[in-house]
Amino acid sequence: MNAKRFTVLLGCAALSFGMIACSPSTSTTDSTAASDAAASKDQSEAVELTVLGAASTRVLNDELSAQAAKLDQPLELQYVNAGSSTLVQQLADGSPGDLLITADQRNMDRAVEQGSVKEPVVVATNSLVMVVPKGNPAGIKGLDESLDNAKLVLCDEQVPCGTVSKKLQDKNGVQLKPVSLEHSVSDVLGKVVSGEADAGWVYRTDAAAAGDKVEVIDIPGAEEEPNSLVAAVTANTPHPDEAEALLKLLRSDSMRTEWEKRGFTPAN
């Protein structure tokens, strides 16, 4: 073999060895890229759902989103929180939504009559309490003369908290004179927290969420007049299977714990 031919063969051998030596690194790079692509694909496949939730359910939004993201089919949730009657009307007017949660049976019945939802189920119950600003500056004691000159705020009877307020007044033989009627329990709470109102009737869960910003006064008979939180998949959702999975999640053991933490009584 002459020197020139030997040099060519040696160069080819070196080139082949270099390609073999580099091949594991190329494989690792390809594997990493594939893994990143798969992760990106999983994230992009999350189905976005809109939850039309009664104002009192706002306290559950973060936890529900966290658990929904871990389902076999991940869900990304958007929320519209408002008074139940408002949500039912919005749905009837064509507003988008995949799951409706009302704070009472009456408003869900309206949604059923309108053909806006499928079969509803009770997911939890809630009860009313009276709240006053921290320190109770007006010195309110309960359903007595201490309310006579107080600035009391209640929910309008068109929304669930207002319906129960009326029942409890009748039950206790009192006729209160609120300075304003609000369209959501959140609005009532806001006026009490800000000091604009001396007292307001809100759900126990809203009082708990407000923490030390308010003080709680129990309303006699309130535990016997709970409001049912009712949920249903909307009739026109483009994602019925995913919405059903979300409804099932609301009644799961893991969410049951979250309902209880926030003062609700989960449905059996």
Protein backbone atom coordinates (compact mmCIF):
# COMPACT_ATOMS: atom_id res chain seq x y z
CA MET A 1 0.00 0.00 0.00
CA ASN A 2 1.49 3.33 -0.98
CA ALA A 3 1.66 6.26 1.41
CA LYS A 4 -1.00 8.29 -0.37
CA ARG A 5 -3.61 5.49 -0.21
CA PHE A 6 -2.80 4.82 3.47
CA THR A 7 -3.36 8.49 4.31
CA VAL A 8 -6.79 8.53 2.61
CA LEU A 9 -7.94 5.37 4.44
CA LEU A 10 -6.73 6.72 7.76
CA GLY A 11 -8.69 9.94 7.19
CA CYS A 12 -11.87 8.01 6.39
CA ALA A 13 -11.46 5.90 9.52
CA ALA A 14 -11.02 9.00 11.63
CA LEU A 15 -14.11 10.56 10.13
CA SER A 16 -16.19 7.44 10.80
CA PHE A 17 -14.98 7.28 14.39
CA GLY A 18 -15.89 10.92 14.89
CA MET A 19 -19.42 10.36 13.60
CA ILE A 20 -19.89 7.36 15.91
CA ALA A 21 -18.49 9.24 18.88
CA CYS A 22 -20.86 12.14 18.29
CA SER A 23 -23.97 10.02 17.77
CA PRO A 24 -24.99 9.69 21.48
CA SER A 25 -24.96 13.49 21.85
CA THR A 26 -27.18 13.86 18.78
CA SER A 27 -29.58 11.24 20.19
CA THR A 28 -29.78 13.06 23.53
CA THR A 29 -30.51 16.34 21.78
CA ASP A 30 -33.24 14.73 19.71
CA SER A 31 -34.75 13.13 22.83
CA THR A 32 -34.78 16.44 24.70
CA ALA A 33 -36.38 18.21 21.77
CA ALA A 34 -39.03 15.50 21.52
CA SER A 35 -39.73 15.77 25.25
CA ASP A 36 -40.05 19.55 25.04
CA ALA A 37 -42.35 19.22 22.07
CA ALA A 38 -44.53 16.73 23.94
CA ALA A 39 -44.76 19.03 26.96
CA SER A 40 -45.67 21.93 24.72
CA LYS A 41 -48.27 19.77 23.00
CA ASP A 42 -49.84 18.73 26.32
CA GLN A 43 -50.04 22.36 27.42
CA SER A 44 -51.58 23.48 24.16
CA GLU A 45 -54.19 20.72 24.37
CA ALA A 46 -55.77 22.11 27.56
CA VAL A 47 -59.42 22.83 26.79
CA GLU A 48 -60.66 26.26 27.84
CA LEU A 49 -64.02 26.36 29.61
CA THR A 50 -66.01 29.32 30.93
CA VAL A 51 -67.68 28.91 34.31
CA LEU A 52 -70.65 31.15 35.05
CA GLY A 53 -70.53 31.04 38.84
CA ALA A 54 -72.67 32.63 41.53
CA ALA A 55 -70.79 35.38 43.36
CA SER A 56 -70.44 33.24 46.48
CA THR A 57 -68.43 30.61 44.58
CA ARG A 58 -65.63 33.06 43.74
CA VAL A 59 -63.70 31.82 46.79
CA LEU A 60 -63.26 28.43 45.06
CA ASN A 61 -61.96 29.68 41.72
CA ASP A 62 -58.24 29.22 42.33
CA GLU A 63 -58.51 25.72 43.76
CA LEU A 64 -60.97 24.55 41.11
CA SER A 65 -58.63 25.81 38.39
CA ALA A 66 -55.66 24.02 39.96
CA GLN A 67 -57.49 20.70 40.12
CA ALA A 68 -59.04 21.06 36.66
CA ALA A 69 -55.57 21.53 35.17
CA LYS A 70 -54.59 18.09 36.50
CA LEU A 71 -57.44 16.12 34.92
CA ASP A 72 -56.66 13.51 32.25
CA GLN A 73 -57.95 16.09 29.81
CA PRO A 74 -56.50 19.30 31.30
CA LEU A 75 -58.90 22.21 31.55
CA GLU A 76 -58.12 25.92 31.63
CA LEU A 77 -60.95 27.76 33.37
CA GLN A 78 -62.22 31.29 32.86
CA TYR A 79 -64.78 32.71 35.30
CA VAL A 80 -67.72 35.07 35.20
CA ASN A 81 -68.88 35.61 38.80
CA ALA A 82 -72.10 37.56 39.42
CA GLY A 83 -75.55 37.28 40.96
CA SER A 84 -77.34 34.10 39.90
CA SER A 85 -80.25 35.90 38.23
CA THR A 86 -77.80 37.97 36.19
CA LEU A 87 -75.93 34.85 35.03
CA VAL A 88 -79.14 33.08 34.01
CA GLN A 89 -80.23 36.12 32.02
CA GLN A 90 -76.82 36.44 30.37
CA LEU A 91 -76.99 32.80 29.33
CA ALA A 92 -80.48 33.30 27.90
CA ASP A 93 -79.19 36.31 25.96
CA GLY A 94 -76.51 34.20 24.31
CA SER A 95 -73.47 34.84 26.47
CA PRO A 96 -70.89 32.03 26.16
CA GLY A 97 -70.49 29.60 29.01
CA ASP A 98 -69.88 25.90 29.57
CA LEU A 99 -70.96 25.39 33.19
CA LEU A 100 -73.52 27.32 35.24
CA ILE A 101 -73.49 27.40 39.05
CA THR A 102 -76.37 29.19 40.75
CA ALA A 103 -76.72 29.93 44.46
CA ASP A 104 -80.28 28.60 44.60
CA GLN A 105 -82.66 26.16 42.96
CA ARG A 106 -85.09 28.83 41.75
CA ASN A 107 -82.65 30.47 39.35
CA MET A 108 -81.44 27.11 38.06
CA ASP A 109 -85.08 26.18 37.41
CA ARG A 110 -85.34 29.33 35.29
CA ALA A 111 -82.31 28.23 33.29
CA VAL A 112 -83.88 24.80 32.77
CA GLU A 113 -87.16 26.34 31.61
CA GLN A 114 -85.26 28.53 29.15
CA GLY A 115 -83.52 25.47 27.73
CA SER A 116 -80.16 26.97 28.68
CA VAL A 117 -78.79 23.99 30.63
CA LYS A 118 -78.82 20.23 30.84
CA GLU A 119 -79.61 18.16 33.96
CA PRO A 120 -78.67 20.16 37.11
CA VAL A 121 -77.26 18.69 40.33
CA VAL A 122 -76.82 20.13 43.83
CA VAL A 123 -73.12 20.53 44.66
CA ALA A 124 -73.26 22.23 48.08
CA THR A 125 -75.33 24.35 50.45
CA ASN A 126 -74.69 27.70 52.13
CA SER A 127 -76.38 29.74 54.88
CA LEU A 128 -76.67 33.41 55.80
CA VAL A 129 -75.09 35.34 58.66
CA MET A 130 -75.08 39.00 59.59
CA VAL A 131 -71.74 40.78 59.36
CA VAL A 132 -70.63 44.10 60.81
CA PRO A 133 -67.38 46.02 60.25
CA LYS A 134 -64.45 45.15 62.49
CA GLY A 135 -65.06 46.58 65.96
CA ASN A 136 -68.84 46.74 65.37
CA PRO A 137 -68.94 50.57 65.59
CA ALA A 138 -72.76 50.70 65.47
CA GLY A 139 -73.04 48.31 68.40
CA ILE A 140 -75.36 45.87 66.64
CA LYS A 141 -76.33 42.85 68.73
CA GLY A 142 -78.79 40.96 66.56
CA LEU A 143 -82.38 41.17 65.33
CA ASP A 144 -83.39 43.74 67.93
CA GLU A 145 -83.63 47.48 68.50
CA SER A 146 -79.90 47.84 67.84
CA LEU A 147 -80.80 47.67 64.13
CA ASP A 148 -83.39 50.46 64.31
CA ASN A 149 -81.08 53.29 63.25
CA ALA A 150 -78.40 51.17 61.62
CA LYS A 151 -77.45 51.32 57.95
CA LEU A 152 -78.38 47.78 56.99
CA VAL A 153 -77.71 46.37 53.51
CA LEU A 154 -79.43 43.26 52.14
CA CYS A 155 -79.62 41.44 48.83
CA ASP A 156 -82.45 42.15 46.43
CA GLU A 157 -85.12 39.43 46.47
CA GLN A 158 -84.36 38.69 42.81
CA VAL A 159 -81.09 37.06 43.86
CA PRO A 160 -80.76 34.00 46.12
CA CYS A 161 -79.37 35.77 49.18
CA GLY A 162 -82.35 38.14 49.03
CA THR A 163 -84.84 35.31 48.79
CA VAL A 164 -83.44 33.70 51.92
CA SER A 165 -83.25 37.07 53.68
CA LYS A 166 -87.01 37.46 53.20
CA LYS A 167 -87.67 33.94 54.49
CA LEU A 168 -85.61 34.56 57.61
CA GLN A 169 -87.32 37.86 58.32
CA ASP A 170 -90.69 36.13 58.11
CA LYS A 171 -89.45 33.27 60.25
CA ASN A 172 -88.22 35.65 62.96
CA GLY A 173 -91.24 37.94 62.77
CA VAL A 174 -89.26 41.02 61.80
CA GLN A 175 -89.49 43.45 58.91
CA LEU A 176 -86.15 45.09 58.31
CA LYS A 177 -85.62 48.42 56.56
CA PRO A 178 -82.40 48.22 54.56
CA VAL A 179 -80.85 51.39 53.18
CA SER A 180 -80.06 49.55 49.95
CA LEU A 181 -80.73 46.27 48.16
CA GLU A 182 -77.80 44.80 46.25
CA HIS A 183 -77.68 42.44 43.27
CA SER A 184 -75.00 40.17 44.69
CA VAL A 185 -73.78 39.06 48.08
CA SER A 186 -70.33 40.39 47.16
CA ASP A 187 -71.75 43.90 46.87
CA VAL A 188 -73.33 43.61 50.32
CA LEU A 189 -70.04 42.45 51.82
CA GLY A 190 -68.13 45.22 50.07
CA LYS A 191 -70.29 47.91 51.64
CA VAL A 192 -69.83 46.44 55.11
CA VAL A 193 -66.06 46.04 54.76
CA SER A 194 -65.71 49.62 53.51
CA GLY A 195 -67.77 50.96 56.42
CA GLU A 196 -70.45 52.30 54.09
CA ALA A 197 -72.93 50.01 55.88
CA ASP A 198 -73.26 49.18 59.58
CA ALA A 199 -74.40 45.64 58.86
CA GLY A 200 -75.28 43.28 56.04
CA TRP A 201 -76.53 39.76 55.50
CA VAL A 202 -74.12 37.59 53.53
CA TYR A 203 -73.29 33.92 53.17
CA ARG A 204 -71.21 32.34 55.89
CA THR A 205 -68.59 31.55 53.24
CA ASP A 206 -68.25 35.22 52.28
CA ALA A 207 -67.87 36.18 55.93
CA ALA A 208 -65.13 33.57 56.31
CA ALA A 209 -63.33 34.87 53.21
CA ALA A 210 -63.40 38.41 54.62
CA GLY A 211 -61.45 37.25 57.67
CA ASP A 212 -60.90 39.83 60.40
CA LYS A 213 -62.34 42.64 58.29
CA VAL A 214 -65.78 41.75 59.64
CA GLU A 215 -67.42 40.30 62.72
CA VAL A 216 -70.16 37.68 62.48
CA ILE A 217 -73.54 37.69 64.21
CA ASP A 218 -75.63 34.54 63.74
CA ILE A 219 -79.16 34.88 62.39
CA PRO A 220 -81.69 32.68 64.23
CA GLY A 221 -82.94 29.86 62.01
CA ALA A 222 -80.44 30.48 59.22
CA GLU A 223 -79.05 26.94 59.32
CA GLU A 224 -82.58 25.66 58.70
CA GLU A 225 -82.94 27.78 55.55
CA PRO A 226 -79.82 26.97 53.53
CA ASN A 227 -79.42 27.84 49.89
CA SER A 228 -78.54 25.03 47.52
CA LEU A 229 -75.72 25.65 45.08
CA VAL A 230 -76.75 23.96 41.85
CA ALA A 231 -74.57 23.27 38.82
CA ALA A 232 -75.34 22.23 35.26
CA VAL A 233 -73.61 21.91 31.91
CA THR A 234 -74.93 24.50 29.49
CA ALA A 235 -77.00 23.32 26.54
CA ASN A 236 -74.84 24.95 23.88
CA THR A 237 -71.34 24.26 25.17
CA PRO A 238 -68.95 23.21 22.40
CA HIS A 239 -67.19 20.99 24.96
CA PRO A 240 -69.91 18.86 26.61
CA ASP A 241 -67.62 16.01 27.68
CA GLU A 242 -65.11 18.33 29.30
CA ALA A 243 -67.87 20.32 31.00
CA GLU A 244 -69.32 17.07 32.39
CA ALA A 245 -65.86 16.19 33.73
CA LEU A 246 -65.71 19.57 35.46
CA LEU A 247 -69.15 19.01 36.98
CA LYS A 248 -67.99 15.64 38.27
CA LEU A 249 -64.89 17.32 39.74
CA LEU A 250 -67.09 19.73 41.70
CA ARG A 251 -68.61 16.74 43.52
CA SER A 252 -65.34 14.83 43.98
CA ASP A 253 -63.75 14.01 47.34
CA SER A 254 -60.87 16.38 46.67
CA MET A 255 -63.21 19.31 46.04
CA ARG A 256 -65.43 18.28 48.93
CA THR A 257 -62.58 19.19 51.25
CA GLU A 258 -62.26 22.60 49.57
CA TRP A 259 -66.00 23.30 49.89
CA GLU A 260 -65.79 22.55 53.61
CA LYS A 261 -62.69 24.70 54.15
CA ARG A 262 -64.60 27.71 52.88
CA GLY A 263 -67.72 27.17 54.97
CA PHE A 264 -69.96 25.36 52.48
CA THR A 265 -71.67 22.07 53.22
CA PRO A 266 -70.85 19.71 50.31
CA ALA A 267 -73.67 17.70 48.77
CA ASN A 268 -73.77 13.98 49.54
